[in-house]
């Protein structure tokens, strides 16, 4: 799909929720996911907890590639994760539309 524009592509998810840790998983993230779902927005939320040193699953990388955009939820745990700190560049490589406010 190298020549297709992102507007013509059919995305599986409208938003990929990027987060790390229990400090957001069962609190803010669950509320955000429910609100997005209520508005009809297809969001990806990984419910598997990645432990330090674990490899990111191919399914998780595929979900990033299948998402039109991302919401990054910064927290203390997020900043302590080397993968999370690299993930914003993964979103750009996946073809997501960068939007910085």
N, C-alpha and C. Protein backbone atom coordinates (compact mmCIF):
# COMPACT_ATOMS: atom_id res chain seq x y z
N UNK A 1 0.81 -1.21 0.00
CA UNK A 1 0.00 0.00 0.00
C UNK A 1 0.84 1.25 0.00
N UNK A 2 1.99 1.21 -0.58
CA UNK A 2 2.91 2.33 -0.54
C UNK A 2 2.35 3.58 -1.21
N UNK A 3 1.53 3.41 -2.27
CA UNK A 3 1.05 4.58 -2.99
C UNK A 3 -0.31 5.08 -2.49
N UNK A 4 -0.95 4.37 -1.59
CA UNK A 4 -2.26 4.79 -1.09
C UNK A 4 -2.11 5.93 -0.09
N UNK A 5 -3.06 6.84 -0.14
CA UNK A 5 -3.06 7.90 0.86
C UNK A 5 -3.73 7.39 2.12
N UNK A 6 -3.41 8.01 3.25
CA UNK A 6 -3.99 7.56 4.51
C UNK A 6 -5.50 7.79 4.54
N UNK A 7 -6.01 8.76 3.77
CA UNK A 7 -7.45 9.00 3.78
C UNK A 7 -8.21 7.90 3.05
N UNK A 8 -7.57 7.22 2.09
CA UNK A 8 -8.23 6.15 1.35
C UNK A 8 -8.10 4.81 2.05
N UNK A 9 -7.22 4.70 2.98
CA UNK A 9 -6.97 3.43 3.67
C UNK A 9 -8.09 3.15 4.68
N UNK A 10 -8.45 1.90 4.81
CA UNK A 10 -9.44 1.47 5.80
C UNK A 10 -8.70 1.08 7.06
N UNK A 11 -8.90 1.81 8.12
CA UNK A 11 -8.21 1.58 9.38
C UNK A 11 -9.06 0.68 10.27
N UNK A 12 -8.42 -0.24 10.95
CA UNK A 12 -9.12 -1.11 11.90
C UNK A 12 -9.50 -0.32 13.16
N UNK A 13 -8.60 0.56 13.59
CA UNK A 13 -8.83 1.39 14.78
C UNK A 13 -8.68 2.85 14.40
N UNK A 14 -9.48 3.69 15.01
CA UNK A 14 -9.32 5.11 14.80
C UNK A 14 -8.25 5.68 15.72
N UNK A 15 -8.05 5.02 16.86
CA UNK A 15 -7.04 5.51 17.80
C UNK A 15 -6.39 4.33 18.54
N UNK A 16 -5.08 4.44 18.71
CA UNK A 16 -4.29 3.49 19.49
C UNK A 16 -3.97 4.18 20.81
N UNK A 17 -4.36 3.57 21.93
CA UNK A 17 -4.08 4.14 23.24
C UNK A 17 -2.75 3.62 23.74
N UNK A 18 -1.79 4.51 23.87
CA UNK A 18 -0.45 4.16 24.32
C UNK A 18 -0.28 4.57 25.76
N UNK A 19 0.02 3.60 26.62
CA UNK A 19 0.13 3.85 28.06
C UNK A 19 1.06 2.82 28.67
N UNK A 20 1.35 2.99 29.94
CA UNK A 20 2.19 2.03 30.64
C UNK A 20 1.81 2.01 32.11
N UNK A 21 1.55 0.83 32.62
CA UNK A 21 1.45 0.65 34.06
C UNK A 21 0.09 0.75 34.69
N UNK A 22 0.06 0.25 35.89
CA UNK A 22 -1.17 0.23 36.66
C UNK A 22 -1.62 1.61 37.11
N UNK A 23 -0.71 2.59 37.07
CA UNK A 23 -1.11 3.93 37.50
C UNK A 23 -2.13 4.56 36.57
N UNK A 24 -2.26 4.04 35.36
CA UNK A 24 -3.27 4.55 34.43
C UNK A 24 -4.19 3.46 33.90
N UNK A 25 -3.75 2.21 33.89
CA UNK A 25 -4.50 1.13 33.22
C UNK A 25 -5.94 1.00 33.72
N UNK A 26 -6.15 0.92 35.00
CA UNK A 26 -7.49 0.66 35.55
C UNK A 26 -8.21 1.92 36.03
N UNK A 27 -7.64 3.06 35.74
CA UNK A 27 -8.27 4.30 36.19
C UNK A 27 -8.57 5.18 34.98
N UNK A 28 -7.71 6.11 34.69
CA UNK A 28 -7.92 7.06 33.60
C UNK A 28 -8.15 6.36 32.27
N UNK A 29 -7.32 5.38 31.96
CA UNK A 29 -7.41 4.70 30.66
C UNK A 29 -8.76 4.02 30.47
N UNK A 30 -9.24 3.32 31.48
CA UNK A 30 -10.55 2.66 31.36
C UNK A 30 -11.66 3.66 31.12
N UNK A 31 -11.60 4.81 31.78
CA UNK A 31 -12.62 5.85 31.58
C UNK A 31 -12.52 6.44 30.17
N UNK A 32 -11.31 6.69 29.71
CA UNK A 32 -11.10 7.22 28.36
C UNK A 32 -11.60 6.23 27.30
N UNK A 33 -11.22 4.97 27.46
CA UNK A 33 -11.65 3.93 26.50
C UNK A 33 -13.18 3.84 26.44
N UNK A 34 -13.82 3.86 27.60
CA UNK A 34 -15.28 3.78 27.65
C UNK A 34 -15.92 4.99 26.97
N UNK A 35 -15.37 6.18 27.19
CA UNK A 35 -15.91 7.39 26.57
C UNK A 35 -15.74 7.35 25.05
N UNK A 36 -14.60 6.90 24.59
CA UNK A 36 -14.38 6.79 23.14
C UNK A 36 -15.37 5.78 22.54
N UNK A 37 -15.51 4.64 23.19
CA UNK A 37 -16.43 3.59 22.72
C UNK A 37 -17.86 4.12 22.68
N UNK A 38 -18.25 4.88 23.69
CA UNK A 38 -19.59 5.45 23.77
C UNK A 38 -19.86 6.40 22.60
N UNK A 39 -18.81 7.08 22.14
CA UNK A 39 -18.94 8.01 21.00
C UNK A 39 -18.79 7.30 19.65
N UNK A 40 -18.60 5.98 19.68
CA UNK A 40 -18.48 5.23 18.44
C UNK A 40 -17.08 5.25 17.84
N UNK A 41 -16.10 5.60 18.62
CA UNK A 41 -14.70 5.65 18.16
C UNK A 41 -14.03 4.33 18.47
N UNK A 42 -13.53 3.68 17.42
CA UNK A 42 -12.85 2.39 17.59
C UNK A 42 -11.44 2.63 18.12
N UNK A 43 -11.21 2.18 19.34
CA UNK A 43 -9.92 2.39 19.99
C UNK A 43 -9.29 1.05 20.34
N UNK A 44 -7.95 1.01 20.26
CA UNK A 44 -7.21 -0.18 20.68
C UNK A 44 -6.60 0.09 22.04
N UNK A 45 -6.84 -0.84 22.97
CA UNK A 45 -6.25 -0.77 24.30
C UNK A 45 -5.68 -2.16 24.59
N UNK A 46 -4.40 -2.23 24.81
CA UNK A 46 -3.75 -3.50 25.11
C UNK A 46 -3.98 -3.85 26.57
N UNK A 47 -4.61 -4.97 26.83
CA UNK A 47 -4.88 -5.37 28.20
C UNK A 47 -3.81 -6.29 28.78
N UNK A 48 -2.85 -6.67 27.96
CA UNK A 48 -1.75 -7.52 28.44
C UNK A 48 -0.67 -6.63 29.05
N UNK A 49 -0.18 -6.99 30.20
CA UNK A 49 0.87 -6.20 30.83
C UNK A 49 2.23 -6.69 30.35
N UNK A 50 3.03 -5.78 29.82
CA UNK A 50 4.38 -6.13 29.37
C UNK A 50 5.35 -5.93 30.53
N UNK A 51 6.12 -6.94 30.79
CA UNK A 51 7.12 -6.84 31.85
C UNK A 51 8.43 -6.33 31.28
N UNK A 52 9.24 -5.74 32.13
CA UNK A 52 10.52 -5.19 31.71
C UNK A 52 11.34 -6.26 31.00
N UNK A 53 11.86 -5.91 29.83
CA UNK A 53 12.69 -6.82 29.06
C UNK A 53 11.91 -7.70 28.09
N UNK A 54 10.58 -7.71 28.19
CA UNK A 54 9.77 -8.51 27.28
C UNK A 54 9.74 -7.85 25.90
N UNK A 55 9.68 -8.69 24.89
CA UNK A 55 9.59 -8.20 23.53
C UNK A 55 8.14 -7.79 23.24
N UNK A 56 7.98 -6.76 22.47
CA UNK A 56 6.64 -6.34 22.08
C UNK A 56 6.10 -7.38 21.10
N UNK A 57 4.88 -7.80 21.33
CA UNK A 57 4.31 -8.86 20.49
C UNK A 57 4.04 -8.34 19.09
N UNK A 58 4.14 -9.24 18.10
CA UNK A 58 3.80 -8.83 16.73
C UNK A 58 2.36 -8.33 16.63
N UNK A 59 1.48 -8.86 17.45
CA UNK A 59 0.08 -8.41 17.43
C UNK A 59 -0.03 -6.95 17.86
N UNK A 60 0.77 -6.55 18.83
CA UNK A 60 0.75 -5.16 19.29
C UNK A 60 1.29 -4.23 18.20
N UNK A 61 2.36 -4.62 17.56
CA UNK A 61 2.91 -3.81 16.46
C UNK A 61 1.92 -3.72 15.30
N UNK A 62 1.23 -4.82 15.04
CA UNK A 62 0.23 -4.83 13.98
C UNK A 62 -0.92 -3.87 14.32
N UNK A 63 -1.30 -3.82 15.58
CA UNK A 63 -2.36 -2.91 16.01
C UNK A 63 -1.95 -1.45 15.83
N UNK A 64 -0.68 -1.16 16.06
CA UNK A 64 -0.18 0.20 15.81
C UNK A 64 -0.32 0.53 14.33
N UNK A 65 0.08 -0.41 13.47
CA UNK A 65 0.01 -0.19 12.03
C UNK A 65 -1.43 -0.07 11.53
N UNK A 66 -2.37 -0.66 12.23
CA UNK A 66 -3.77 -0.64 11.83
C UNK A 66 -4.55 0.52 12.44
N UNK A 67 -3.85 1.45 13.09
CA UNK A 67 -4.50 2.58 13.76
C UNK A 67 -4.24 3.88 13.01
N UNK A 68 -5.27 4.69 12.90
CA UNK A 68 -5.16 5.97 12.20
C UNK A 68 -4.40 7.01 13.02
N UNK A 69 -4.58 6.97 14.35
CA UNK A 69 -3.94 7.96 15.22
C UNK A 69 -3.63 7.32 16.57
N UNK A 70 -3.02 8.09 17.44
CA UNK A 70 -2.68 7.58 18.77
C UNK A 70 -2.90 8.66 19.82
N UNK A 71 -3.26 8.20 21.00
CA UNK A 71 -3.30 9.06 22.17
C UNK A 71 -2.26 8.50 23.12
N UNK A 72 -1.30 9.32 23.48
CA UNK A 72 -0.25 8.89 24.39
C UNK A 72 -0.59 9.42 25.78
N UNK A 73 -0.67 8.51 26.74
CA UNK A 73 -0.99 8.87 28.12
C UNK A 73 0.31 8.83 28.91
N UNK A 74 0.87 10.00 29.13
CA UNK A 74 2.14 10.09 29.85
C UNK A 74 1.93 9.91 31.35
N UNK A 75 2.82 9.17 31.97
CA UNK A 75 2.77 8.93 33.41
C UNK A 75 4.19 8.60 33.87
N UNK A 76 4.37 8.44 35.16
CA UNK A 76 5.69 8.06 35.67
C UNK A 76 6.12 6.72 35.09
N UNK A 77 5.20 5.77 35.02
CA UNK A 77 5.52 4.44 34.47
C UNK A 77 5.87 4.53 32.98
N UNK A 78 5.17 5.40 32.25
CA UNK A 78 5.44 5.57 30.82
C UNK A 78 6.87 6.05 30.61
N UNK A 79 7.27 7.03 31.39
CA UNK A 79 8.61 7.62 31.26
C UNK A 79 9.70 6.63 31.66
N UNK A 80 9.36 5.62 32.45
CA UNK A 80 10.35 4.62 32.88
C UNK A 80 10.49 3.48 31.88
N UNK A 81 9.69 3.47 30.85
CA UNK A 81 9.70 2.38 29.87
C UNK A 81 10.46 2.80 28.61
N UNK A 82 11.52 2.08 28.30
CA UNK A 82 12.29 2.42 27.09
C UNK A 82 11.45 2.22 25.83
N UNK A 83 10.60 1.18 25.80
CA UNK A 83 9.77 0.97 24.62
C UNK A 83 8.77 2.10 24.47
N UNK A 84 8.14 2.49 25.55
CA UNK A 84 7.15 3.56 25.45
C UNK A 84 7.77 4.86 24.95
N UNK A 85 8.99 5.13 25.39
CA UNK A 85 9.64 6.35 24.93
C UNK A 85 10.00 6.30 23.45
N UNK A 86 10.14 5.09 22.91
CA UNK A 86 10.41 4.94 21.48
C UNK A 86 9.12 4.88 20.66
N UNK A 87 8.00 4.58 21.29
CA UNK A 87 6.77 4.32 20.54
C UNK A 87 6.26 5.50 19.72
N UNK A 88 6.41 6.76 20.13
CA UNK A 88 5.94 7.84 19.24
C UNK A 88 6.56 7.78 17.85
N UNK A 89 7.81 7.40 17.74
CA UNK A 89 8.40 7.27 16.41
C UNK A 89 7.81 6.07 15.68
N UNK A 90 7.42 5.03 16.40
CA UNK A 90 6.76 3.88 15.78
C UNK A 90 5.44 4.30 15.15
N UNK A 91 4.74 5.22 15.80
CA UNK A 91 3.47 5.68 15.26
C UNK A 91 3.69 6.42 13.94
N UNK A 92 4.72 7.22 13.88
CA UNK A 92 4.99 7.96 12.64
C UNK A 92 5.39 7.00 11.52
N UNK A 93 6.21 6.00 11.84
CA UNK A 93 6.61 5.03 10.83
C UNK A 93 5.43 4.18 10.35
N UNK A 94 4.43 4.04 11.19
CA UNK A 94 3.25 3.25 10.83
C UNK A 94 2.32 4.04 9.91
N UNK A 95 2.61 5.30 9.70
CA UNK A 95 1.80 6.12 8.79
C UNK A 95 0.71 6.90 9.46
N UNK A 96 0.76 7.03 10.77
CA UNK A 96 -0.26 7.81 11.47
C UNK A 96 -0.07 9.28 11.15
N UNK A 97 -1.17 10.01 11.24
CA UNK A 97 -1.13 11.43 11.00
C UNK A 97 -0.66 12.14 12.25
N UNK A 98 0.52 12.79 12.21
CA UNK A 98 1.00 13.48 13.40
C UNK A 98 0.15 14.71 13.69
N UNK A 99 -0.22 14.87 14.93
CA UNK A 99 -1.00 16.03 15.35
C UNK A 99 -0.47 16.44 16.73
N UNK A 100 0.13 17.60 16.81
CA UNK A 100 0.68 18.06 18.07
C UNK A 100 -0.01 19.36 18.43
N UNK A 101 -0.56 19.41 19.62
CA UNK A 101 -1.22 20.64 20.09
C UNK A 101 -0.45 21.21 21.25
